[in-house]
């Protein structure tokens, strides 16, 4: 923290275009520990529809902003 006592975290699409499926699939969770954040799954994943989710995680204290690039690879499992 450089500016305030509060950090704001956001999920952003990897590129500048909107990825509505990304925002409907994942959310961020505050783990209430120092410098740790969780990624919550909001719906079931289907590798046959999408094999990878690319996103940016942004952290901002109101003055400075940092970003992390994150790829989530969906592995295949036997559905039968």
PDB file of N, CA and C in Angstrom:
ATOM      1  N   UNK A   1       0.842  -1.183   0.000  1.00  0.00           N
ATOM      2  CA  UNK A   1       0.000   0.000   0.000  1.00  0.00           C
ATOM      3  C   UNK A   1       0.882   1.238   0.000  1.00  0.00           C
ATOM      4  N   UNK A   2       0.595   2.110  -0.938  1.00  0.00           N
ATOM      5  CA  UNK A   2       1.356   3.340  -1.020  1.00  0.00           C
ATOM      6  C   UNK A   2       0.503   4.567  -0.762  1.00  0.00           C
ATOM      7  N   UNK A   3      -0.779   4.480  -1.097  1.00  0.00           N
ATOM      8  CA  UNK A   3      -1.604   5.680  -1.071  1.00  0.00           C
ATOM      9  C   UNK A   3      -2.672   5.622   0.010  1.00  0.00           C
ATOM     10  N   UNK A   4      -3.384   4.536   0.114  1.00  0.00           N
ATOM     11  CA  UNK A   4      -4.475   4.399   1.069  1.00  0.00           C
ATOM     12  C   UNK A   4      -4.321   3.085   1.814  1.00  0.00           C
ATOM     13  N   UNK A   5      -5.223   2.844   2.734  1.00  0.00           N
ATOM     14  CA  UNK A   5      -5.197   1.574   3.463  1.00  0.00           C
ATOM     15  C   UNK A   5      -6.059   0.517   2.796  1.00  0.00           C
ATOM     16  N   UNK A   6      -6.457   0.739   1.568  1.00  0.00           N
ATOM     17  CA  UNK A   6      -7.391  -0.177   0.914  1.00  0.00           C
ATOM     18  C   UNK A   6      -6.905  -0.523  -0.491  1.00  0.00           C
ATOM     19  N   UNK A   7      -6.906  -1.803  -0.794  1.00  0.00           N
ATOM     20  CA  UNK A   7      -6.588  -2.259  -2.143  1.00  0.00           C
ATOM     21  C   UNK A   7      -7.855  -2.714  -2.840  1.00  0.00           C
ATOM     22  N   UNK A   8      -7.944  -2.446  -4.122  1.00  0.00           N
ATOM     23  CA  UNK A   8      -9.068  -2.918  -4.934  1.00  0.00           C
ATOM     24  C   UNK A   8      -8.512  -3.883  -5.972  1.00  0.00           C
ATOM     25  N   UNK A   9      -9.103  -5.075  -6.028  1.00  0.00           N
ATOM     26  CA  UNK A   9      -8.688  -6.104  -6.978  1.00  0.00           C
ATOM     27  C   UNK A   9      -9.772  -6.280  -8.030  1.00  0.00           C
ATOM     28  N   UNK A  10      -9.346  -6.525  -9.274  1.00  0.00           N
ATOM     29  CA  UNK A  10     -10.310  -6.751 -10.356  1.00  0.00           C
ATOM     30  C   UNK A  10      -9.768  -7.778 -11.339  1.00  0.00           C
ATOM     31  N   UNK A  11     -10.688  -8.523 -11.944  1.00  0.00           N
ATOM     32  CA  UNK A  11     -10.347  -9.394 -13.068  1.00  0.00           C
ATOM     33  C   UNK A  11     -10.582  -8.592 -14.339  1.00  0.00           C
ATOM     34  N   UNK A  12      -9.611  -8.621 -15.222  1.00  0.00           N
ATOM     35  CA  UNK A  12      -9.722  -7.934 -16.503  1.00  0.00           C
ATOM     36  C   UNK A  12      -9.477  -8.937 -17.620  1.00  0.00           C
ATOM     37  N   UNK A  13     -10.092  -8.703 -18.762  1.00  0.00           N
ATOM     38  CA  UNK A  13      -9.847  -9.553 -19.927  1.00  0.00           C
ATOM     39  C   UNK A  13      -8.378  -9.431 -20.328  1.00  0.00           C
ATOM     40  N   UNK A  14      -7.818 -10.495 -20.869  1.00  0.00           N
ATOM     41  CA  UNK A  14      -6.407 -10.528 -21.250  1.00  0.00           C
ATOM     42  C   UNK A  14      -6.086  -9.436 -22.268  1.00  0.00           C
ATOM     43  N   UNK A  15      -6.933  -9.331 -23.275  1.00  0.00           N
ATOM     44  CA  UNK A  15      -6.763  -8.264 -24.252  1.00  0.00           C
ATOM     45  C   UNK A  15      -7.811  -7.189 -23.973  1.00  0.00           C
ATOM     46  N   UNK A  16      -7.840  -6.185 -24.767  1.00  0.00           N
ATOM     47  CA  UNK A  16      -8.735  -5.052 -24.502  1.00  0.00           C
ATOM     48  C   UNK A  16     -10.208  -5.353 -24.797  1.00  0.00           C
ATOM     49  N   UNK A  17     -10.488  -6.425 -25.526  1.00  0.00           N
ATOM     50  CA  UNK A  17     -11.887  -6.753 -25.828  1.00  0.00           C
ATOM     51  C   UNK A  17     -12.553  -7.370 -24.600  1.00  0.00           C
ATOM     52  N   UNK A  18     -13.856  -7.296 -24.559  1.00  0.00           N
ATOM     53  CA  UNK A  18     -14.610  -7.844 -23.435  1.00  0.00           C
ATOM     54  C   UNK A  18     -14.714  -9.360 -23.561  1.00  0.00           C
ATOM     55  N   UNK A  19     -14.655 -10.049 -22.450  1.00  0.00           N
ATOM     56  CA  UNK A  19     -14.782 -11.506 -22.408  1.00  0.00           C
ATOM     57  C   UNK A  19     -15.839 -11.834 -21.357  1.00  0.00           C
ATOM     58  N   UNK A  20     -17.091 -11.722 -21.719  1.00  0.00           N
ATOM     59  CA  UNK A  20     -18.191 -11.885 -20.765  1.00  0.00           C
ATOM     60  C   UNK A  20     -18.162 -13.254 -20.095  1.00  0.00           C
ATOM     61  N   UNK A  21     -17.791 -14.292 -20.842  1.00  0.00           N
ATOM     62  CA  UNK A  21     -17.717 -15.642 -20.266  1.00  0.00           C
ATOM     63  C   UNK A  21     -16.705 -15.702 -19.119  1.00  0.00           C
ATOM     64  N   UNK A  22     -15.614 -14.978 -19.240  1.00  0.00           N
ATOM     65  CA  UNK A  22     -14.602 -14.921 -18.182  1.00  0.00           C
ATOM     66  C   UNK A  22     -15.206 -14.386 -16.887  1.00  0.00           C
ATOM     67  N   UNK A  23     -15.962 -13.300 -16.974  1.00  0.00           N
ATOM     68  CA  UNK A  23     -16.544 -12.668 -15.791  1.00  0.00           C
ATOM     69  C   UNK A  23     -17.703 -13.485 -15.207  1.00  0.00           C
ATOM     70  N   UNK A  24     -18.336 -14.325 -16.027  1.00  0.00           N
ATOM     71  CA  UNK A  24     -19.403 -15.205 -15.542  1.00  0.00           C
ATOM     72  C   UNK A  24     -18.843 -16.503 -14.949  1.00  0.00           C
ATOM     73  N   UNK A  25     -17.563 -16.773 -15.181  1.00  0.00           N
ATOM     74  CA  UNK A  25     -16.945 -18.028 -14.754  1.00  0.00           C
ATOM     75  C   UNK A  25     -16.118 -17.876 -13.481  1.00  0.00           C
ATOM     76  N   UNK A  26     -15.445 -16.735 -13.310  1.00  0.00           N
ATOM     77  CA  UNK A  26     -14.535 -16.543 -12.180  1.00  0.00           C
ATOM     78  C   UNK A  26     -14.852 -15.262 -11.411  1.00  0.00           C
ATOM     79  N   UNK A  27     -14.547 -15.284 -10.128  1.00  0.00           N
ATOM     80  CA  UNK A  27     -14.570 -14.069  -9.313  1.00  0.00           C
ATOM     81  C   UNK A  27     -13.392 -14.130  -8.349  1.00  0.00           C
ATOM     82  N   UNK A  28     -13.035 -12.986  -7.802  1.00  0.00           N
ATOM     83  CA  UNK A  28     -11.939 -12.915  -6.843  1.00  0.00           C
ATOM     84  C   UNK A  28     -12.480 -13.012  -5.435  1.00  0.00           C
ATOM     85  N   UNK A  29     -11.710 -13.660  -4.561  1.00  0.00           N
ATOM     86  CA  UNK A  29     -12.097 -13.846  -3.167  1.00  0.00           C
ATOM     87  C   UNK A  29     -10.977 -13.319  -2.283  1.00  0.00           C
ATOM     88  N   UNK A  30     -11.331 -12.484  -1.328  1.00  0.00           N
ATOM     89  CA  UNK A  30     -10.358 -12.007  -0.360  1.00  0.00           C
ATOM     90  C   UNK A  30     -10.166 -13.096   0.687  1.00  0.00           C
ATOM     91  N   UNK A  31      -8.951 -13.614   0.821  1.00  0.00           N
ATOM     92  CA  UNK A  31      -8.658 -14.696   1.758  1.00  0.00           C
ATOM     93  C   UNK A  31      -8.355 -14.173   3.160  1.00  0.00           C
ATOM     94  N   UNK A  32      -8.416 -12.855   3.323  1.00  0.00           N
ATOM     95  CA  UNK A  32      -8.190 -12.198   4.617  1.00  0.00           C
ATOM     96  C   UNK A  32      -6.838 -12.545   5.217  1.00  0.00           C
ATOM     97  N   UNK A  33      -5.862 -12.736   4.345  1.00  0.00           N
ATOM     98  CA  UNK A  33      -4.480 -12.905   4.771  1.00  0.00           C
ATOM     99  C   UNK A  33      -3.652 -11.912   3.969  1.00  0.00           C
ATOM    100  N   UNK A  34      -2.518 -11.577   4.468  1.00  0.00           N
ATOM    101  CA  UNK A  34      -1.704 -10.558   3.822  1.00  0.00           C
ATOM    102  C   UNK A  34      -1.236 -11.016   2.444  1.00  0.00           C
ATOM    103  N   UNK A  35      -1.530 -10.208   1.439  1.00  0.00           N
ATOM    104  CA  UNK A  35      -1.057 -10.412   0.066  1.00  0.00           C
ATOM    105  C   UNK A  35      -1.531 -11.712  -0.570  1.00  0.00           C
ATOM    106  N   UNK A  36      -2.700 -12.225  -0.178  1.00  0.00           N
ATOM    107  CA  UNK A  36      -3.233 -13.433  -0.806  1.00  0.00           C
ATOM    108  C   UNK A  36      -4.646 -13.187  -1.295  1.00  0.00           C
ATOM    109  N   UNK A  37      -4.930 -13.746  -2.454  1.00  0.00           N
ATOM    110  CA  UNK A  37      -6.219 -13.597  -3.105  1.00  0.00           C
ATOM    111  C   UNK A  37      -6.617 -14.958  -3.649  1.00  0.00           C
ATOM    112  N   UNK A  38      -7.906 -15.252  -3.706  1.00  0.00           N
ATOM    113  CA  UNK A  38      -8.384 -16.515  -4.250  1.00  0.00           C
ATOM    114  C   UNK A  38      -9.161 -16.287  -5.526  1.00  0.00           C
ATOM    115  N   UNK A  39      -9.229 -17.306  -6.347  1.00  0.00           N
ATOM    116  CA  UNK A  39     -10.005 -17.273  -7.577  1.00  0.00           C
ATOM    117  C   UNK A  39     -11.143 -18.268  -7.413  1.00  0.00           C
ATOM    118  N   UNK A  40     -12.375 -17.779  -7.411  1.00  0.00           N
ATOM    119  CA  UNK A  40     -13.553 -18.626  -7.202  1.00  0.00           C
ATOM    120  C   UNK A  40     -14.164 -19.004  -8.550  1.00  0.00           C
ATOM    121  N   UNK A  41     -14.514 -20.278  -8.666  1.00  0.00           N
ATOM    122  CA  UNK A  41     -15.189 -20.785  -9.855  1.00  0.00           C
ATOM    123  C   UNK A  41     -16.691 -20.620  -9.660  1.00  0.00           C
ATOM    124  N   UNK A  42     -17.351 -19.919 -10.588  1.00  0.00           N
ATOM    125  CA  UNK A  42     -18.774 -19.617 -10.462  1.00  0.00           C
ATOM    126  C   UNK A  42     -19.672 -20.602 -11.207  1.00  0.00           C
ATOM    127  N   UNK A  43     -19.105 -21.346 -12.149  1.00  0.00           N
ATOM    128  CA  UNK A  43     -19.894 -22.327 -12.895  1.00  0.00           C
ATOM    129  C   UNK A  43     -18.983 -23.450 -13.356  1.00  0.00           C
ATOM    130  N   UNK A  44     -19.574 -24.532 -13.789  1.00  0.00           N
ATOM    131  CA  UNK A  44     -18.799 -25.685 -14.250  1.00  0.00           C
ATOM    132  C   UNK A  44     -18.019 -25.341 -15.512  1.00  0.00           C
ATOM    133  N   UNK A  45     -16.870 -25.971 -15.652  1.00  0.00           N
ATOM    134  CA  UNK A  45     -16.040 -25.769 -16.839  1.00  0.00           C
ATOM    135  C   UNK A  45     -16.226 -26.924 -17.805  1.00  0.00           C
ATOM    136  N   UNK A  46     -16.149 -26.628 -19.094  1.00  0.00           N
ATOM    137  CA  UNK A  46     -16.281 -27.650 -20.128  1.00  0.00           C
ATOM    138  C   UNK A  46     -15.122 -27.490 -21.101  1.00  0.00           C
ATOM    139  N   UNK A  47     -14.179 -28.411 -21.056  1.00  0.00           N
ATOM    140  CA  UNK A  47     -12.999 -28.323 -21.915  1.00  0.00           C
ATOM    141  C   UNK A  47     -13.351 -28.373 -23.394  1.00  0.00           C
ATOM    142  N   UNK A  48     -14.469 -29.019 -23.735  1.00  0.00           N
ATOM    143  CA  UNK A  48     -14.875 -29.104 -25.133  1.00  0.00           C
ATOM    144  C   UNK A  48     -15.345 -27.754 -25.665  1.00  0.00           C
ATOM    145  N   UNK A  49     -15.744 -26.850 -24.783  1.00  0.00           N
ATOM    146  CA  UNK A  49     -16.162 -25.507 -25.200  1.00  0.00           C
ATOM    147  C   UNK A  49     -15.023 -24.497 -25.134  1.00  0.00           C
ATOM    148  N   UNK A  50     -14.154 -24.657 -24.114  1.00  0.00           N
ATOM    149  CA  UNK A  50     -13.049 -23.707 -23.941  1.00  0.00           C
ATOM    150  C   UNK A  50     -11.920 -24.391 -23.190  1.00  0.00           C
ATOM    151  N   UNK A  51     -10.699 -24.307 -23.731  1.00  0.00           N
ATOM    152  CA  UNK A  51      -9.568 -25.006 -23.133  1.00  0.00           C
ATOM    153  C   UNK A  51      -8.695 -24.110 -22.262  1.00  0.00           C
ATOM    154  N   UNK A  52      -8.806 -22.799 -22.413  1.00  0.00           N
ATOM    155  CA  UNK A  52      -7.960 -21.887 -21.642  1.00  0.00           C
ATOM    156  C   UNK A  52      -8.702 -20.571 -21.375  1.00  0.00           C
ATOM    157  N   UNK A  53      -8.470 -20.043 -20.205  1.00  0.00           N
ATOM    158  CA  UNK A  53      -8.952 -18.709 -19.838  1.00  0.00           C
ATOM    159  C   UNK A  53      -7.728 -17.849 -19.576  1.00  0.00           C
ATOM    160  N   UNK A  54      -7.610 -16.743 -20.299  1.00  0.00           N
ATOM    161  CA  UNK A  54      -6.512 -15.798 -20.104  1.00  0.00           C
ATOM    162  C   UNK A  54      -7.093 -14.533 -19.481  1.00  0.00           C
ATOM    163  N   UNK A  55      -6.442 -14.083 -18.406  1.00  0.00           N
ATOM    164  CA  UNK A  55      -6.955 -12.897 -17.728  1.00  0.00           C
ATOM    165  C   UNK A  55      -5.819 -12.098 -17.113  1.00  0.00           C
ATOM    166  N   UNK A  56      -6.143 -10.901 -16.722  1.00  0.00           N
ATOM    167  CA  UNK A  56      -5.240 -10.047 -15.959  1.00  0.00           C
ATOM    168  C   UNK A  56      -5.902  -9.782 -14.614  1.00  0.00           C
ATOM    169  N   UNK A  57      -5.121  -9.859 -13.537  1.00  0.00           N
ATOM    170  CA  UNK A  57      -5.607  -9.502 -12.207  1.00  0.00           C
ATOM    171  C   UNK A  57      -4.975  -8.155 -11.875  1.00  0.00           C
ATOM    172  N   UNK A  58      -5.802  -7.176 -11.572  1.00  0.00           N
ATOM    173  CA  UNK A  58      -5.334  -5.832 -11.281  1.00  0.00           C
ATOM    174  C   UNK A  58      -5.493  -5.534  -9.797  1.00  0.00           C
ATOM    175  N   UNK A  59      -4.481  -4.892  -9.212  1.00  0.00           N
ATOM    176  CA  UNK A  59      -4.540  -4.438  -7.826  1.00  0.00           C
ATOM    177  C   UNK A  59      -4.227  -2.948  -7.823  1.00  0.00           C
ATOM    178  N   UNK A  60      -5.073  -2.166  -7.150  1.00  0.00           N
ATOM    179  CA  UNK A  60      -4.879  -0.721  -7.123  1.00  0.00           C
ATOM    180  C   UNK A  60      -5.148  -0.181  -5.728  1.00  0.00           C
ATOM    181  N   UNK A  61      -4.318   0.769  -5.314  1.00  0.00           N
ATOM    182  CA  UNK A  61      -4.545   1.430  -4.030  1.00  0.00           C
ATOM    183  C   UNK A  61      -5.095   2.836  -4.232  1.00  0.00           C
ATOM    184  N   UNK A  62      -5.520   3.161  -5.443  1.00  0.00           N
ATOM    185  CA  UNK A  62      -6.070   4.472  -5.752  1.00  0.00           C
ATOM    186  C   UNK A  62      -5.083   5.363  -6.456  1.00  0.00           C
ATOM    187  N   UNK A  63      -3.798   5.097  -6.271  1.00  0.00           N
ATOM    188  CA  UNK A  63      -2.758   5.887  -6.925  1.00  0.00           C
ATOM    189  C   UNK A  63      -1.913   5.020  -7.848  1.00  0.00           C
ATOM    190  N   UNK A  64      -1.472   3.890  -7.348  1.00  0.00           N
ATOM    191  CA  UNK A  64      -0.646   2.975  -8.133  1.00  0.00           C
ATOM    192  C   UNK A  64      -1.423   1.702  -8.452  1.00  0.00           C
ATOM    193  N   UNK A  65      -1.125   1.122  -9.609  1.00  0.00           N
ATOM    194  CA  UNK A  65      -1.793  -0.102 -10.044  1.00  0.00           C
ATOM    195  C   UNK A  65      -0.747  -1.108 -10.512  1.00  0.00           C
ATOM    196  N   UNK A  66      -0.948  -2.364 -10.149  1.00  0.00           N
ATOM    197  CA  UNK A  66      -0.103  -3.448 -10.629  1.00  0.00           C
ATOM    198  C   UNK A  66      -0.971  -4.525 -11.243  1.00  0.00           C
ATOM    199  N   UNK A  67      -0.411  -5.289 -12.177  1.00  0.00           N
ATOM    200  CA  UNK A  67      -1.175  -6.344 -12.836  1.00  0.00           C
ATOM    201  C   UNK A  67      -0.391  -7.641 -12.888  1.00  0.00           C
ATOM    202  N   UNK A  68      -1.127  -8.729 -12.876  1.00  0.00           N
ATOM    203  CA  UNK A  68      -0.592 -10.079 -12.987  1.00  0.00           C
ATOM    204  C   UNK A  68      -1.309 -10.764 -14.143  1.00  0.00           C
ATOM    205  N   UNK A  69      -0.564 -11.396 -15.032  1.00  0.00           N
ATOM    206  CA  UNK A  69      -1.175 -12.186 -16.108  1.00  0.00           C
ATOM    207  C   UNK A  69      -1.389 -13.593 -15.597  1.00  0.00           C
ATOM    208  N   UNK A  70      -2.579 -14.143 -15.865  1.00  0.00           N
ATOM    209  CA  UNK A  70      -2.930 -15.463 -15.362  1.00  0.00           C
ATOM    210  C   UNK A  70      -3.603 -16.273 -16.460  1.00  0.00           C
ATOM    211  N   UNK A  71      -3.110 -17.486 -16.678  1.00  0.00           N
ATOM    212  CA  UNK A  71      -3.722 -18.436 -17.609  1.00  0.00           C
ATOM    213  C   UNK A  71      -4.257 -19.603 -16.799  1.00  0.00           C
ATOM    214  N   UNK A  72      -5.513 -19.972 -17.045  1.00  0.00           N
ATOM    215  CA  UNK A  72      -6.118 -21.150 -16.417  1.00  0.00           C
ATOM    216  C   UNK A  72      -6.357 -22.157 -17.539  1.00  0.00           C
ATOM    217  N   UNK A  73      -5.631 -23.283 -17.490  1.00  0.00           N
ATOM    218  CA  UNK A  73      -5.757 -24.332 -18.502  1.00  0.00           C
ATOM    219  C   UNK A  73      -6.733 -25.388 -17.988  1.00  0.00           C
ATOM    220  N   UNK A  74      -7.701 -25.737 -18.814  1.00  0.00           N
ATOM    221  CA  UNK A  74      -8.708 -26.731 -18.457  1.00  0.00           C
ATOM    222  C   UNK A  74      -8.222 -28.097 -18.954  1.00  0.00           C
ATOM    223  N   UNK A  75      -8.091 -29.029 -18.022  1.00  0.00           N
ATOM    224  CA  UNK A  75      -7.651 -30.379 -18.369  1.00  0.00           C
ATOM    225  C   UNK A  75      -8.837 -31.259 -18.701  1.00  0.00           C
ATOM    226  N   UNK A  76      -8.601 -32.243 -19.549  1.00  0.00           N
ATOM    227  CA  UNK A  76      -9.669 -33.154 -19.966  1.00  0.00           C
ATOM    228  C   UNK A  76      -9.841 -34.254 -18.919  1.00  0.00           C
ATOM    229  N   UNK A  77     -11.099 -34.592 -18.643  1.00  0.00           N
ATOM    230  CA  UNK A  77     -11.376 -35.736 -17.778  1.00  0.00           C
ATOM    231  C   UNK A  77     -12.447 -36.585 -18.453  1.00  0.00           C
ATOM    232  N   UNK A  78     -12.495 -37.832 -18.086  1.00  0.00           N
ATOM    233  CA  UNK A  78     -13.463 -38.766 -18.667  1.00  0.00           C
ATOM    234  C   UNK A  78     -14.841 -38.481 -18.097  1.00  0.00           C
ATOM    235  N   UNK A  79     -15.772 -38.053 -18.962  1.00  0.00           N
ATOM    236  CA  UNK A  79     -17.125 -37.712 -18.534  1.00  0.00           C
ATOM    237  C   UNK A  79     -18.015 -38.943 -18.395  1.00  0.00           C
ATOM    238  N   UNK A  80     -17.572 -40.062 -18.913  1.00  0.00           N
ATOM    239  CA  UNK A  80     -18.429 -41.254 -18.936  1.00  0.00           C
ATOM    240  C   UNK A  80     -18.242 -42.107 -17.710  1.00  0.00           C
TER     241      UNK A  80
END
